[in-house]
C-alpha atoms as a PDB file:
ATOM      1  CA  MET A   1       0.223   0.022  -0.017  1.00  0.00           C
ATOM      2  CA  ASP A   2       1.622   3.315  -1.059  1.00  0.00           C
ATOM      3  CA  LYS A   3       1.511   6.340   1.629  1.00  0.00           C
ATOM      4  CA  ALA A   4      -0.176   9.204   0.560  1.00  0.00           C
ATOM      5  CA  PRO A   5       1.850  12.657   0.297  1.00  0.00           C
ATOM      6  CA  GLY A   6       2.337  14.990   3.132  1.00  0.00           C
ATOM      7  CA  ARG A   7       2.437  11.464   5.145  1.00  0.00           C
ATOM      8  CA  VAL A   8       5.332   9.471   6.599  1.00  0.00           C
ATOM      9  CA  ARG A   9       5.244   5.913   8.377  1.00  0.00           C
ATOM     10  CA  ILE A  10       6.908   5.863  11.192  1.00  0.00           C
ATOM     11  CA  ALA A  11       8.082   2.573  12.896  1.00  0.00           C
ATOM     12  CA  ILE A  12       8.381   2.213  16.830  1.00  0.00           C
ATOM     13  CA  ALA A  13      10.599  -0.483  17.986  1.00  0.00           C
ATOM     14  CA  VAL A  14       8.384  -2.148  21.434  1.00  0.00           C
ATOM     15  CA  GLU A  15       8.403  -4.691  23.734  1.00  0.00           C
ATOM     16  CA  GLY A  16       5.192  -6.585  24.437  1.00  0.00           C
ATOM     17  CA  THR A  17       4.446  -3.935  27.580  1.00  0.00           C
ATOM     18  CA  GLY A  18       3.567  -1.123  25.199  1.00  0.00           C
ATOM     19  CA  ASP A  19       7.055   0.171  26.242  1.00  0.00           C
ATOM     20  CA  VAL A  20      10.073   1.131  23.678  1.00  0.00           C
ATOM     21  CA  HIS A  21      12.332  -1.507  23.349  1.00  0.00           C
ATOM     22  CA  PRO A  22      14.818  -0.977  25.582  1.00  0.00           C
ATOM     23  CA  GLY A  23      18.278  -2.060  23.329  1.00  0.00           C
ATOM     24  CA  HIS A  24      18.986  -1.892  20.108  1.00  0.00           C
ATOM     25  CA  PHE A  25      16.073  -1.668  17.577  1.00  0.00           C
ATOM     26  CA  ALA A  26      17.346  -5.223  15.861  1.00  0.00           C
ATOM     27  CA  HIS A  27      16.278  -6.827  18.224  1.00  0.00           C
ATOM     28  CA  ALA A  28      13.373  -5.800  19.308  1.00  0.00           C
ATOM     29  CA  PRO A  29      10.596  -8.297  19.329  1.00  0.00           C
ATOM     30  CA  LYS A  30       8.060  -5.810  17.435  1.00  0.00           C
ATOM     31  CA  PHE A  31       7.816  -3.046  15.835  1.00  0.00           C
ATOM     32  CA  ARG A  32       4.266  -0.819  15.663  1.00  0.00           C
ATOM     33  CA  VAL A  33       3.747   1.038  12.339  1.00  0.00           C
ATOM     34  CA  TYR A  34       1.718   4.016  12.216  1.00  0.00           C
ATOM     35  CA  GLU A  35       1.338   6.707   9.171  1.00  0.00           C
ATOM     36  CA  TYR A  36       1.428  10.534  10.373  1.00  0.00           C
ATOM     37  CA  ASP A  37       0.107  13.147   8.688  1.00  0.00           C
ATOM     38  CA  PHE A  38       2.264  16.210   8.616  1.00  0.00           C
ATOM     39  CA  ASN A  39      -0.969  18.219  10.288  1.00  0.00           C
ATOM     40  CA  GLY A  40      -0.385  16.093  13.543  1.00  0.00           C
ATOM     41  CA  GLY A  41      -2.273  12.945  12.686  1.00  0.00           C
ATOM     42  CA  LEU A  42      -1.608   9.544  13.564  1.00  0.00           C
ATOM     43  CA  ARG A  43      -3.249   6.354  12.622  1.00  0.00           C
ATOM     44  CA  GLU A  44      -1.963   2.995  13.734  1.00  0.00           C
ATOM     45  CA  LEU A  45      -1.118   0.862  10.820  1.00  0.00           C
ATOM     46  CA  GLY A  46      -0.495  -2.591  13.075  1.00  0.00           C
ATOM     47  CA  GLU A  47       2.206  -4.252  14.695  1.00  0.00           C
ATOM     48  CA  ARG A  48       4.907  -6.569  12.848  1.00  0.00           C
ATOM     49  CA  ASP A  49       6.856  -8.955  14.478  1.00  0.00           C
ATOM     50  CA  ASN A  50      10.501  -8.938  13.950  1.00  0.00           C
ATOM     51  CA  PRO A  51      12.563 -12.256  13.836  1.00  0.00           C
ATOM     52  CA  LEU A  52      15.605 -10.683  15.143  1.00  0.00           C
ATOM     53  CA  GLY A  53      13.802  -9.782  17.920  1.00  0.00           C
ATOM     54  CA  ARG A  54      13.927 -13.787  18.690  1.00  0.00           C
ATOM     55  CA  MET A  55      17.654 -14.083  17.971  1.00  0.00           C
ATOM     56  CA  PRO A  56      19.067 -16.351  20.817  1.00  0.00           C
ATOM     57  CA  ASP A  57      21.267 -14.439  23.377  1.00  0.00           C
ATOM     58  CA  ILE A  58      24.357 -12.822  21.861  1.00  0.00           C
ATOM     59  CA  GLU A  59      26.713 -14.411  24.670  1.00  0.00           C
ATOM     60  CA  ASP A  60      26.139 -17.529  22.806  1.00  0.00           C
ATOM     61  CA  PRO A  61      27.362 -16.542  19.218  1.00  0.00           C
ATOM     62  CA  GLU A  62      27.308 -20.314  17.873  1.00  0.00           C
ATOM     63  CA  GLU A  63      23.485 -20.228  18.378  1.00  0.00           C
ATOM     64  CA  ALA A  64      23.055 -16.770  17.479  1.00  0.00           C
ATOM     65  CA  ALA A  65      24.935 -17.807  14.218  1.00  0.00           C
ATOM     66  CA  LYS A  66      22.736 -20.919  13.704  1.00  0.00           C
ATOM     67  CA  TYR A  67      19.892 -18.723  14.085  1.00  0.00           C
ATOM     68  CA  LEU A  68      20.615 -16.089  11.443  1.00  0.00           C
ATOM     69  CA  GLU A  69      21.831 -18.460   8.827  1.00  0.00           C
ATOM     70  CA  LYS A  70      18.538 -20.157   8.843  1.00  0.00           C
ATOM     71  CA  LEU A  71      17.516 -16.673   7.836  1.00  0.00           C
ATOM     72  CA  GLY A  72      20.153 -16.391   5.258  1.00  0.00           C
ATOM     73  CA  ILE A  73      22.264 -13.885   7.017  1.00  0.00           C
ATOM     74  CA  SER A  74      25.269 -13.403   8.830  1.00  0.00           C
ATOM     75  CA  ILE A  75      25.812 -12.414  12.616  1.00  0.00           C
ATOM     76  CA  HIS A  76      28.052  -9.373  11.656  1.00  0.00           C
ATOM     77  CA  GLY A  77      27.504  -6.517   9.627  1.00  0.00           C
ATOM     78  CA  ARG A  78      25.217  -4.963   7.024  1.00  0.00           C
ATOM     79  CA  SER A  79      23.276  -8.027   5.993  1.00  0.00           C
ATOM     80  CA  LYS A  80      21.174  -8.658   9.435  1.00  0.00           C
ATOM     81  CA  TYR A  81      20.438  -4.433   8.993  1.00  0.00           C
ATOM     82  CA  ASP A  82      19.804  -5.218   4.967  1.00  0.00           C
ATOM     83  CA  TYR A  83      17.209  -8.177   6.134  1.00  0.00           C
ATOM     84  CA  LEU A  84      15.649  -5.863   8.599  1.00  0.00           C
ATOM     85  CA  ARG A  85      14.813  -3.011   5.899  1.00  0.00           C
ATOM     86  CA  GLU A  86      13.676  -5.489   3.245  1.00  0.00           C
ATOM     87  CA  LYS A  87      11.865  -7.835   5.089  1.00  0.00           C
ATOM     88  CA  VAL A  88      10.410  -6.315   8.208  1.00  0.00           C
ATOM     89  CA  LEU A  89      10.257  -2.011   7.443  1.00  0.00           C
ATOM     90  CA  PRO A  90      10.468  -2.123   3.705  1.00  0.00           C
ATOM     91  CA  ASP A  91       7.701   0.665   3.703  1.00  0.00           C
ATOM     92  CA  VAL A  92       9.097   2.891   6.772  1.00  0.00           C
ATOM     93  CA  ASP A  93      10.193   6.301   6.451  1.00  0.00           C
ATOM     94  CA  VAL A  94      11.246   7.033  10.461  1.00  0.00           C
ATOM     95  CA  VAL A  95      12.261   4.436  13.108  1.00  0.00           C
ATOM     96  CA  ILE A  96      12.321   5.508  16.726  1.00  0.00           C
ATOM     97  CA  CYS A  97      14.411   3.483  19.069  1.00  0.00           C
ATOM     98  CA  TYR A  98      15.717   3.816  22.032  1.00  0.00           C
ATOM     99  CA  ASP A  99      19.469   2.401  21.174  1.00  0.00           C
ATOM    100  CA  ALA A 100      21.374   1.576  17.485  1.00  0.00           C
ATOM    101  CA  CYS A 101      24.859   1.046  16.097  1.00  0.00           C
ATOM    102  CA  PRO A 102      26.422   3.024  13.625  1.00  0.00           C
ATOM    103  CA  THR A 103      26.384   0.030  11.084  1.00  0.00           C
ATOM    104  CA  SER A 104      22.166  -0.394  11.372  1.00  0.00           C
ATOM    105  CA  VAL A 105      21.611   3.721  11.090  1.00  0.00           C
ATOM    106  CA  LYS A 106      23.872   3.988   8.461  1.00  0.00           C
ATOM    107  CA  VAL A 107      21.837   1.114   6.286  1.00  0.00           C
ATOM    108  CA  PHE A 108      18.660   3.041   7.589  1.00  0.00           C
ATOM    109  CA  GLU A 109      19.527   6.176   6.792  1.00  0.00           C
ATOM    110  CA  ASP A 110      21.365   5.285   3.790  1.00  0.00           C
ATOM    111  CA  SER A 111      18.045   3.578   1.738  1.00  0.00           C
ATOM    112  CA  GLY A 112      16.148   7.167   3.068  1.00  0.00           C
ATOM    113  CA  VAL A 113      14.979   6.274   6.575  1.00  0.00           C
ATOM    114  CA  ARG A 114      15.292   8.616   9.771  1.00  0.00           C
ATOM    115  CA  VAL A 115      16.336   6.959  12.778  1.00  0.00           C
ATOM    116  CA  LEU A 116      15.133   8.894  15.781  1.00  0.00           C
ATOM    117  CA  PHE A 117      16.290   7.780  19.659  1.00  0.00           C
ATOM    118  CA  THR A 118      14.166   8.237  22.815  1.00  0.00           C
ATOM    119  CA  PRO A 119      15.152   7.078  26.230  1.00  0.00           C
ATOM    120  CA  PRO A 120      13.041   4.853  27.966  1.00  0.00           C
ATOM    121  CA  ALA A 121       9.249   5.516  27.249  1.00  0.00           C
ATOM    122  CA  THR A 122       6.103   4.107  26.556  1.00  0.00           C
ATOM    123  CA  VAL A 123       5.222   4.246  23.203  1.00  0.00           C
ATOM    124  CA  GLU A 124       1.894   6.290  24.263  1.00  0.00           C
ATOM    125  CA  GLU A 125       4.464   8.838  25.764  1.00  0.00           C
ATOM    126  CA  VAL A 126       6.174   8.921  22.169  1.00  0.00           C
ATOM    127  CA  LEU A 127       3.014   9.450  20.122  1.00  0.00           C
ATOM    128  CA  ASP A 128       1.658  11.886  22.476  1.00  0.00           C
ATOM    129  CA  TYR A 129       4.698  13.636  22.120  1.00  0.00           C
ATOM    130  CA  ILE A 130       4.394  13.424  17.882  1.00  0.00           C
ATOM    131  CA  SER A 131       0.779  14.096  18.016  1.00  0.00           C
ATOM    132  CA  GLY A 132       1.106  17.477  20.093  1.00  0.00           C
ATOM    133  CA  ASN A 133       4.517  18.809  18.477  1.00  0.00           C
ATOM    134  CA  PRO A 134       4.182  18.628  15.020  1.00  0.00           C
ATOM    135  CA  GLU A 135       6.136  21.289  13.834  1.00  0.00           C
ATOM    136  CA  GLU A 136       9.127  20.248  15.946  1.00  0.00           C
ATOM    137  CA  PHE A 137       8.668  16.580  14.921  1.00  0.00           C
ATOM    138  CA  ARG A 138       8.541  17.868  11.070  1.00  0.00           C
ATOM    139  CA  ARG A 139      11.771  19.971  11.806  1.00  0.00           C
ATOM    140  CA  LEU A 140      13.383  16.658  13.480  1.00  0.00           C
ATOM    141  CA  LEU A 141      12.487  15.098  10.054  1.00  0.00           C
ATOM    142  CA  GLU A 142      13.563  17.810   7.897  1.00  0.00           C
ATOM    143  CA  GLU A 143      17.323  18.008   9.534  1.00  0.00           C
ATOM    144  CA  GLU A 144      20.321  17.304   7.432  1.00  0.00           C
ATOM    145  CA  THR A 145      22.046  13.932   8.649  1.00  0.00           C
ATOM    146  CA  GLY A 146      25.736  14.341   9.006  1.00  0.00           C
ATOM    147  CA  ASP A 147      28.403  13.101  11.350  1.00  0.00           C
ATOM    148  CA  GLU A 148      26.887  14.495  14.324  1.00  0.00           C
ATOM    149  CA  ASP A 149      26.906  11.795  17.225  1.00  0.00           C
ATOM    150  CA  TYR A 150      23.672  10.508  17.267  1.00  0.00           C
ATOM    151  CA  TYR A 151      23.676   9.236  21.330  1.00  0.00           C
ATOM    152  CA  THR A 152      23.516  13.176  21.755  1.00  0.00           C
ATOM    153  CA  GLY A 153      20.158  13.508  21.331  1.00  0.00           C
ATOM    154  CA  HIS A 154      20.741  15.338  18.339  1.00  0.00           C
ATOM    155  CA  TYR A 155      18.552  13.064  16.601  1.00  0.00           C
ATOM    156  CA  GLY A 156      16.497  12.773  19.499  1.00  0.00           C
ATOM    157  CA  CYS A 157      12.617  12.109  18.704  1.00  0.00           C
ATOM    158  CA  GLY A 158      11.902  15.153  20.503  1.00  0.00           C
ATOM    159  CA  CYS A 159       9.651  13.529  23.519  1.00  0.00           C
ATOM    160  CA  GLY A 160      11.449  15.730  25.996  1.00  0.00           C
ATOM    161  CA  TYR A 161      13.458  12.857  27.723  1.00  0.00           C
ATOM    162  CA  HIS A 162      16.480  13.371  26.411  1.00  0.00           C
END
């Protein structure tokens, strides 16, 4: 389904509890996807399972490698982020998450997806911020990306917790 003009699709990395996933977004069990209208409207499009979120503990690299091999991807490098982009989030414009590595941010931003960070929060808190601050959210989406340290909050979602 194509998105309407003046709208973006947002994926929020989530836990089953309704909280933003407290780790790397590639390891989130699910993503909630929303369509955001630049006039401030948000509409939930659904929840998507993330096969990478079911990966065995990275502390056992052999088990993790076997799991990823079944998906046809490598444990290191771009391939798992390419998989996530192509298979789970092919139609999103924005990912909101708690954490990520530089490689995942590069893969997503190179494909036109903006990665924004939030400190620990519920999905509701993030959505309330986006709905209540459309000008600020749009500014964050339109900012040029560059060599800034994205952990400083420069690319934050604007929820005020940074």
